[in-house]
N, C-alpha and C. Protein backbone atom coordinates (compact mmCIF):
# COMPACT_ATOMS: atom_id res chain seq x y z
N UNK A 1 9.25 -7.58 31.63
CA UNK A 1 9.30 -8.06 30.52
C UNK A 1 8.25 -7.55 29.55
N UNK A 2 6.87 -7.59 29.78
CA UNK A 2 5.92 -6.46 28.97
C UNK A 2 6.20 -5.48 28.65
N UNK A 3 6.65 -4.98 29.91
CA UNK A 3 7.06 -3.08 29.52
C UNK A 3 8.06 -2.86 28.55
N UNK A 4 9.13 -3.74 28.61
CA UNK A 4 10.15 -3.52 27.47
C UNK A 4 9.28 -3.73 26.29
N UNK A 5 8.71 -4.44 26.03
CA UNK A 5 8.35 -4.95 24.75
C UNK A 5 7.45 -3.55 24.24
N UNK A 6 6.33 -3.24 25.07
CA UNK A 6 5.66 -2.37 24.78
C UNK A 6 6.28 -0.92 24.28
N UNK A 7 7.37 -0.70 25.05
CA UNK A 7 8.34 0.58 25.06
C UNK A 7 9.04 0.38 23.68
N UNK A 8 9.78 -0.79 23.10
CA UNK A 8 10.14 -0.97 21.81
C UNK A 8 9.25 -1.10 20.77
N UNK A 9 8.10 -1.51 20.85
CA UNK A 9 7.15 -1.43 20.07
C UNK A 9 6.53 0.07 19.62
N UNK A 10 6.18 0.44 20.52
CA UNK A 10 6.16 1.95 20.72
C UNK A 10 7.11 2.98 20.19
N UNK A 11 8.32 2.77 20.70
CA UNK A 11 9.49 3.47 19.71
C UNK A 11 9.82 3.23 18.26
N UNK A 12 9.29 1.71 17.93
CA UNK A 12 9.13 1.43 16.73
C UNK A 12 8.49 2.20 15.90
N UNK A 13 7.25 2.16 16.24
CA UNK A 13 5.72 2.84 15.84
C UNK A 13 5.91 4.38 15.48
N UNK A 14 6.58 4.77 16.68
CA UNK A 14 7.10 6.35 16.58
C UNK A 14 7.98 6.95 15.42
N UNK A 15 9.15 6.07 15.32
CA UNK A 15 10.14 6.05 14.38
C UNK A 15 9.59 5.98 12.82
N UNK A 16 8.65 4.86 12.75
CA UNK A 16 8.05 4.81 11.66
C UNK A 16 7.13 5.94 10.94
N UNK A 17 6.50 6.50 12.09
CA UNK A 17 5.51 7.68 11.69
C UNK A 17 6.57 8.87 11.25
N UNK A 18 7.48 9.15 12.10
CA UNK A 18 8.43 9.90 11.60
C UNK A 18 8.95 10.05 10.10
N UNK A 19 9.52 8.72 9.92
CA UNK A 19 10.01 8.74 8.75
C UNK A 19 9.02 8.41 7.49
N UNK A 20 7.62 8.34 7.80
CA UNK A 20 6.36 8.40 6.63
C UNK A 20 6.05 9.87 6.58
N UNK A 21 6.31 10.78 7.74
CA UNK A 21 6.38 12.35 7.65
C UNK A 21 7.19 12.74 6.93
N UNK A 22 8.32 12.36 7.11
CA UNK A 22 9.67 12.91 6.19
C UNK A 22 9.41 12.57 4.58
N UNK A 23 8.88 11.34 4.32
CA UNK A 23 8.65 10.72 3.06
C UNK A 23 7.64 11.56 2.29
N UNK A 24 6.61 11.93 3.13
CA UNK A 24 5.47 12.57 2.43
C UNK A 24 6.00 13.93 2.04
N UNK A 25 6.70 14.49 2.97
CA UNK A 25 7.15 16.00 2.80
C UNK A 25 8.18 15.99 1.30
N UNK A 26 8.87 14.87 1.51
CA UNK A 26 10.08 14.82 0.28
C UNK A 26 9.09 14.72 -1.09
N UNK A 27 8.00 14.06 -1.05
CA UNK A 27 7.04 13.83 -2.35
C UNK A 27 6.33 14.87 -2.47
N UNK A 28 5.93 16.11 -1.55
CA UNK A 28 5.74 17.00 -1.87
C UNK A 28 6.48 18.07 -2.51
N UNK A 29 7.75 17.92 -2.29
CA UNK A 29 9.12 19.02 -2.71
C UNK A 29 9.29 19.95 -2.05
N UNK A 30 8.43 19.89 -0.47
CA UNK A 30 8.46 21.26 0.17
C UNK A 30 9.30 21.06 1.28
N UNK A 31 10.47 21.80 1.45
CA UNK A 31 11.08 21.70 2.91
C UNK A 31 10.39 21.75 4.04
N UNK A 32 10.52 20.95 4.68
CA UNK A 32 9.70 20.58 6.10
C UNK A 32 10.36 20.23 7.15
N UNK A 33 10.51 20.86 8.30
CA UNK A 33 11.28 20.33 9.31
C UNK A 33 10.89 19.00 10.12
N UNK A 34 11.83 18.11 10.61
CA UNK A 34 11.43 16.84 11.28
C UNK A 34 10.54 16.80 12.25
N UNK A 35 9.45 15.87 12.76
CA UNK A 35 8.59 16.21 13.91
C UNK A 35 9.63 16.28 14.98
N UNK A 36 8.70 16.65 15.81
CA UNK A 36 9.32 16.42 17.25
C UNK A 36 10.09 15.57 17.95
N UNK A 37 11.05 15.87 18.63
CA UNK A 37 11.50 14.31 19.27
C UNK A 37 10.56 13.63 19.64
N UNK A 38 10.70 12.03 19.83
CA UNK A 38 10.26 11.01 20.07
C UNK A 38 10.54 10.67 21.42
N UNK A 39 9.42 10.67 22.36
CA UNK A 39 9.71 10.25 23.73
C UNK A 39 8.62 9.15 24.15
N UNK A 40 9.30 7.96 24.79
CA UNK A 40 8.19 6.84 25.01
C UNK A 40 8.61 6.80 26.49
N UNK A 41 7.60 6.90 27.27
CA UNK A 41 7.58 7.18 28.80
C UNK A 41 6.56 5.98 29.39
N UNK A 42 6.90 5.04 30.28
CA UNK A 42 6.20 4.22 31.01
C UNK A 42 6.64 4.22 32.34
N UNK A 43 6.23 4.72 33.58
CA UNK A 43 6.66 5.14 34.72
C UNK A 43 7.62 5.42 34.76
N UNK A 44 8.70 4.46 35.14
CA UNK A 44 10.31 4.75 35.29
C UNK A 44 10.89 4.56 34.06
N UNK A 45 10.70 4.20 33.28
CA UNK A 45 11.28 4.15 32.06
C UNK A 45 10.96 4.74 30.82
N UNK A 46 12.24 5.56 30.41
CA UNK A 46 12.07 6.67 29.39
C UNK A 46 13.45 6.56 28.23
N UNK A 47 12.84 6.53 27.17
CA UNK A 47 13.80 6.46 26.14
C UNK A 47 13.34 7.61 24.93
N UNK A 48 14.32 8.43 24.35
CA UNK A 48 14.27 9.22 23.48
C UNK A 48 14.95 9.36 21.93
N UNK A 49 14.44 9.45 21.13
CA UNK A 49 15.47 9.22 19.73
C UNK A 49 14.79 10.70 19.26
N UNK A 50 15.88 11.28 19.01
CA UNK A 50 15.63 12.52 18.14
C UNK A 50 15.76 12.36 16.43
N UNK A 51 14.84 12.68 15.76
CA UNK A 51 15.00 12.64 14.44
C UNK A 51 14.91 14.10 13.54
N UNK A 52 16.03 13.99 12.76
CA UNK A 52 16.01 15.08 11.94
C UNK A 52 16.49 14.62 10.34
N UNK A 53 15.73 15.51 9.66
CA UNK A 53 16.41 15.45 8.15
C UNK A 53 16.34 16.65 7.30
N UNK A 54 16.91 17.02 6.54
CA UNK A 54 17.12 17.86 5.49
C UNK A 54 16.40 17.21 4.13
N UNK A 55 15.36 18.24 3.68
CA UNK A 55 14.41 17.35 2.48
C UNK A 55 15.00 18.37 1.29
N UNK A 56 15.61 17.95 0.50
CA UNK A 56 16.05 18.54 -0.79
C UNK A 56 14.88 18.95 -1.68
N UNK A 57 14.43 19.93 -1.63
CA UNK A 57 13.21 20.37 -2.87
C UNK A 57 13.76 19.83 -3.90
N UNK A 58 12.47 19.36 -4.56
CA UNK A 58 12.58 18.38 -5.75
C UNK A 58 13.15 19.16 -7.07
N UNK A 59 12.54 20.91 -7.14
CA UNK A 59 12.96 21.59 -8.35
C UNK A 59 13.52 22.79 -7.66
N UNK A 60 14.44 23.19 -7.98
CA UNK A 60 15.37 24.07 -7.51
C UNK A 60 16.59 24.55 -8.38
N UNK A 61 16.92 25.68 -8.86
CA UNK A 61 18.17 25.86 -9.83
C UNK A 61 18.45 27.47 -9.25
N UNK A 62 19.71 27.98 -9.57
CA UNK A 62 20.29 29.25 -9.64
C UNK A 62 20.67 29.81 -10.87
N UNK A 63 20.61 30.96 -11.14
CA UNK A 63 20.93 31.54 -12.35
C UNK A 63 22.17 32.65 -12.00
N UNK A 64 23.07 32.86 -12.74
CA UNK A 64 24.49 33.55 -12.53
C UNK A 64 24.72 34.11 -13.58
N UNK A 65 24.86 35.49 -14.01
CA UNK A 65 24.39 36.45 -13.42
C UNK A 65 22.88 36.88 -13.45
N UNK A 66 22.38 37.81 -12.29
CA UNK A 66 21.01 37.73 -12.45
C UNK A 66 20.70 38.90 -13.29
N UNK A 67 21.93 39.53 -14.17
CA UNK A 67 21.67 40.66 -14.84
C UNK A 67 22.88 40.45 -15.81
N UNK A 68 22.36 40.84 -17.20
CA UNK A 68 23.21 41.03 -18.07
C UNK A 68 23.27 42.59 -18.92
N UNK A 69 24.27 43.13 -19.10
CA UNK A 69 24.33 44.35 -19.65
C UNK A 69 25.17 44.30 -21.29
N UNK A 70 24.24 44.45 -22.30
CA UNK A 70 24.97 44.27 -23.85
C UNK A 70 25.57 45.69 -24.01
N UNK A 71 25.75 46.69 -23.46
CA UNK A 71 26.04 47.58 -23.95
C UNK A 71 27.49 47.53 -24.61
N UNK A 72 28.56 46.76 -24.35
CA UNK A 72 29.56 46.64 -25.10
C UNK A 72 29.48 45.63 -26.21
N UNK A 73 28.49 45.12 -26.56
CA UNK A 73 28.30 43.73 -27.70
C UNK A 73 29.00 42.55 -27.18
N UNK A 74 28.59 41.51 -27.63
CA UNK A 74 29.13 40.43 -28.04
C UNK A 74 28.39 39.22 -26.84
N UNK A 75 28.58 38.08 -27.09
CA UNK A 75 28.15 37.35 -26.10
C UNK A 75 28.49 37.37 -24.67
N UNK A 76 27.29 36.77 -24.05
CA UNK A 76 27.38 36.65 -22.20
C UNK A 76 27.20 35.30 -22.09
N UNK A 77 27.33 35.09 -20.88
CA UNK A 77 27.54 33.65 -20.65
C UNK A 77 26.29 33.73 -19.19
N UNK A 78 25.41 32.61 -18.96
CA UNK A 78 24.79 32.48 -18.07
C UNK A 78 25.00 31.30 -17.53
N UNK A 79 24.97 31.08 -16.07
CA UNK A 79 25.61 29.70 -15.63
C UNK A 79 24.16 29.20 -14.57
N UNK A 80 23.77 28.31 -14.90
CA UNK A 80 22.73 27.66 -14.41
C UNK A 80 22.59 26.10 -13.83
N UNK A 81 22.32 26.22 -12.49
CA UNK A 81 22.93 25.19 -11.50
C UNK A 81 21.80 24.26 -11.16
N UNK A 82 21.66 23.23 -11.59
CA UNK A 82 20.84 22.47 -10.30
C UNK A 82 20.80 22.04 -9.16
N UNK A 83 19.96 22.76 -8.09
CA UNK A 83 20.31 22.71 -6.71
C UNK A 83 19.53 21.70 -6.28
N UNK A 84 18.46 21.24 -6.86
CA UNK A 84 17.30 20.53 -6.52
C UNK A 84 17.70 18.74 -6.49
N UNK A 85 16.64 17.98 -6.11
CA UNK A 85 16.73 16.65 -6.39
C UNK A 85 16.57 16.08 -7.51
N UNK A 86 15.70 16.57 -8.40
CA UNK A 86 15.44 15.70 -9.53
C UNK A 86 16.30 16.55 -11.11
N UNK A 87 16.49 15.73 -11.68
CA UNK A 87 17.20 16.23 -13.00
C UNK A 87 15.75 17.47 -13.58
N UNK A 88 16.69 18.58 -14.08
CA UNK A 88 15.41 19.23 -14.99
C UNK A 88 15.61 19.65 -16.35
N UNK A 89 14.56 19.98 -16.64
CA UNK A 89 14.29 20.21 -18.23
C UNK A 89 14.28 22.04 -17.96
N UNK A 90 15.08 22.70 -18.91
CA UNK A 90 14.74 24.06 -18.81
C UNK A 90 14.26 24.69 -19.84
N UNK A 91 13.57 25.70 -19.76
CA UNK A 91 13.20 26.30 -21.21
C UNK A 91 13.55 27.91 -20.85
N UNK A 92 13.21 28.85 -21.86
CA UNK A 92 13.11 30.53 -21.38
C UNK A 92 12.21 31.19 -21.75
N UNK A 93 11.97 32.10 -21.32
CA UNK A 93 11.05 33.07 -21.90
C UNK A 93 11.21 34.41 -21.89
N UNK A 94 11.22 35.13 -23.13
CA UNK A 94 11.78 36.69 -23.04
C UNK A 94 10.79 37.61 -23.28
N UNK A 95 10.85 38.83 -22.10
CA UNK A 95 9.60 39.66 -22.57
C UNK A 95 10.63 40.88 -22.77
N UNK A 96 9.82 41.82 -23.19
CA UNK A 96 10.22 42.92 -23.58
C UNK A 96 10.46 43.08 -24.94
N UNK A 97 11.52 44.55 -25.68
CA UNK A 97 11.49 44.37 -26.96
C UNK A 97 12.61 43.78 -27.75
N UNK A 98 13.66 43.33 -26.93
CA UNK A 98 14.65 42.41 -27.44
C UNK A 98 14.45 41.02 -27.67
N UNK A 99 13.19 40.55 -27.44
CA UNK A 99 12.51 38.79 -27.86
C UNK A 99 13.01 38.54 -29.27
N UNK A 100 12.97 39.49 -30.04
CA UNK A 100 13.11 38.97 -31.56
C UNK A 100 14.27 38.59 -31.88
N UNK A 101 15.39 39.18 -30.97
CA UNK A 101 16.71 38.94 -31.57
C UNK A 101 17.67 38.21 -30.67
N UNK A 102 16.98 37.75 -29.25
CA UNK A 102 17.73 37.22 -28.25
C UNK A 102 17.88 35.88 -28.66
N UNK A 103 19.35 35.38 -28.73
CA UNK A 103 19.54 33.92 -28.68
C UNK A 103 20.21 33.09 -27.72
N UNK A 104 19.91 31.94 -27.17
CA UNK A 104 20.43 31.28 -26.18
C UNK A 104 21.24 30.14 -26.77
N UNK A 105 22.33 30.07 -26.63
CA UNK A 105 23.30 29.06 -27.37
C UNK A 105 23.06 29.07 -28.83
N UNK A 106 23.09 30.23 -29.46
CA UNK A 106 22.69 30.16 -30.53
C UNK A 106 21.67 30.28 -31.66
N UNK A 107 20.61 29.57 -30.68
CA UNK A 107 19.30 29.74 -31.06
C UNK A 107 18.15 30.65 -30.96
N UNK A 108 17.01 30.59 -31.63
CA UNK A 108 16.38 31.73 -30.93
C UNK A 108 15.63 31.43 -29.51
N UNK A 109 15.61 32.01 -28.67
CA UNK A 109 15.07 31.66 -27.17
C UNK A 109 14.21 30.86 -26.97
N UNK A 110 12.95 31.07 -28.45
CA UNK A 110 12.12 30.00 -28.33
C UNK A 110 12.32 28.64 -28.38
N UNK A 111 13.59 28.43 -28.89
CA UNK A 111 13.83 26.87 -29.24
C UNK A 111 14.34 26.35 -28.36
N UNK A 112 15.22 27.25 -27.46
CA UNK A 112 15.93 26.65 -26.02
C UNK A 112 15.36 25.77 -25.22
N UNK A 113 15.96 24.48 -24.98
CA UNK A 113 15.71 23.59 -24.10
C UNK A 113 16.79 22.88 -23.38
N UNK A 114 17.12 22.50 -22.31
CA UNK A 114 18.32 22.20 -21.82
C UNK A 114 18.05 21.35 -20.70
N UNK A 115 19.05 19.97 -20.44
CA UNK A 115 18.22 19.11 -19.55
C UNK A 115 19.55 19.33 -18.60
N UNK A 116 19.32 19.53 -17.18
CA UNK A 116 20.39 19.82 -16.49
C UNK A 116 20.25 18.49 -15.00
N UNK A 117 21.39 17.71 -14.96
CA UNK A 117 21.37 16.49 -14.22
C UNK A 117 21.30 17.30 -12.82
N UNK A 118 20.89 16.47 -11.88
CA UNK A 118 21.03 16.85 -10.47
C UNK A 118 22.59 16.97 -9.93
N UNK A 119 22.71 18.30 -8.98
CA UNK A 119 23.92 18.30 -9.13
C UNK A 119 24.90 18.82 -10.08
N UNK A 120 24.24 18.87 -11.54
CA UNK A 120 24.93 19.60 -12.78
C UNK A 120 24.56 21.02 -13.05
N UNK A 121 25.25 21.34 -13.93
CA UNK A 121 25.41 22.87 -14.23
C UNK A 121 25.41 23.08 -15.69
N UNK A 122 24.96 24.27 -16.34
CA UNK A 122 25.23 24.30 -17.54
C UNK A 122 25.22 25.96 -17.90
N UNK A 123 26.23 26.16 -18.89
CA UNK A 123 26.74 27.61 -19.20
C UNK A 123 25.79 27.56 -20.48
N UNK A 124 25.36 28.99 -20.61
CA UNK A 124 24.37 29.23 -21.55
C UNK A 124 24.97 30.49 -22.16
N UNK A 125 25.44 30.67 -23.46
CA UNK A 125 25.83 31.53 -24.29
C UNK A 125 24.45 32.28 -24.51
N UNK A 126 24.55 33.65 -24.14
CA UNK A 126 23.28 34.60 -24.44
C UNK A 126 23.91 35.96 -25.49
N UNK A 127 23.31 35.72 -26.53
CA UNK A 127 23.52 36.92 -27.34
C UNK A 127 22.51 37.66 -27.87
N UNK A 128 22.99 39.20 -28.06
CA UNK A 128 21.56 40.01 -28.44
C UNK A 128 22.27 40.66 -29.68
N UNK A 129 21.98 40.41 -30.97
CA UNK A 129 22.56 41.33 -31.85
C UNK A 129 21.42 42.73 -32.04
N UNK A 130 22.02 43.81 -31.70
CA UNK A 130 21.17 44.90 -31.76
C UNK A 130 21.96 45.92 -32.94
N UNK A 131 21.05 46.39 -33.92
CA UNK A 131 21.46 47.46 -34.80
C UNK A 131 22.23 48.60 -34.15
N UNK A 132 22.72 49.73 -34.84
CA UNK A 132 22.97 51.25 -34.13
C UNK A 132 22.01 51.77 -34.50
N UNK A 133 20.76 51.57 -35.34
CA UNK A 133 19.62 51.94 -35.65
C UNK A 133 18.52 51.59 -34.88
N UNK A 134 18.75 50.69 -33.93
CA UNK A 134 17.43 50.48 -33.39
C UNK A 134 16.73 51.37 -32.73
N UNK A 135 15.34 51.37 -32.58
CA UNK A 135 14.52 52.47 -32.27
C UNK A 135 14.59 52.23 -30.92
N UNK A 136 14.57 51.34 -29.96
CA UNK A 136 14.14 50.91 -28.61
C UNK A 136 15.39 51.39 -27.59
N UNK A 137 16.48 52.31 -28.07
CA UNK A 137 17.33 52.62 -26.93
C UNK A 137 16.90 52.85 -25.49
N UNK A 138 17.57 52.59 -24.88
CA UNK A 138 17.40 52.46 -23.46
C UNK A 138 16.69 51.44 -22.97
N UNK A 139 16.00 50.65 -23.89
CA UNK A 139 14.58 49.97 -23.11
C UNK A 139 15.59 48.78 -22.49
N UNK A 140 14.33 48.11 -21.70
CA UNK A 140 15.31 46.34 -21.08
C UNK A 140 14.17 45.48 -21.39
N UNK A 141 14.76 43.99 -21.07
CA UNK A 141 13.70 43.13 -21.34
C UNK A 141 14.32 42.15 -20.34
N UNK A 142 13.60 41.03 -20.21
CA UNK A 142 13.70 39.83 -19.24
C UNK A 142 13.83 38.61 -19.87
N UNK A 143 14.74 37.89 -19.47
CA UNK A 143 14.68 36.50 -19.63
C UNK A 143 14.39 35.84 -18.63
N UNK A 144 13.20 34.74 -18.51
CA UNK A 144 12.98 33.84 -17.38
C UNK A 144 13.07 32.55 -17.54
N UNK A 145 14.02 32.04 -16.80
CA UNK A 145 14.11 30.63 -17.05
C UNK A 145 13.11 29.74 -16.23
N UNK A 146 12.45 28.53 -17.08
CA UNK A 146 11.37 27.99 -16.41
C UNK A 146 12.04 26.42 -16.33
N UNK A 147 11.70 25.99 -15.00
CA UNK A 147 12.13 24.40 -15.01
C UNK A 147 10.90 23.36 -14.76
N UNK A 148 11.29 22.23 -15.32
CA UNK A 148 10.34 20.89 -14.80
C UNK A 148 11.09 19.92 -14.66
N UNK A 149 10.63 19.13 -13.89
CA UNK A 149 11.19 17.54 -14.06
C UNK A 149 11.64 17.31 -15.50
N UNK A 150 12.80 16.50 -15.78
CA UNK A 150 13.31 16.22 -16.91
C UNK A 150 12.68 14.57 -17.29
N UNK A 151 12.20 14.40 -18.29
CA UNK A 151 11.54 12.94 -18.25
C UNK A 151 12.44 12.16 -19.32
């Protein structure tokens, strides 16, 4: 009877240790593999419990498309999808010569801020008014989207 009680207690402690490990990995926001399978052995008695968990990163999102060509003019649409575990607050930063005129959802890029819920997405209209006499012909720029936990 004592051997069975010791094995059950050992197995419970091993499972709790595995859950604590997964909880710590989750709070760090880092995808982490589950611990090795737990095996409790006492002479002729053996029990094994395999633990697995997929930890969703806290902050993760996709942006589609990855490139915009304004050669034909008009607005373009960018879709930002929240693939992480937390709601996101997304802002933008623009580099290059086009930063002065670029607008996100009709506002200057520097004013842009979107909250995207977990498993949600948002379409953003991107416009770049360019005069025919613009001196930076052939130049390019970059929009960098930043995300933080939405509060």
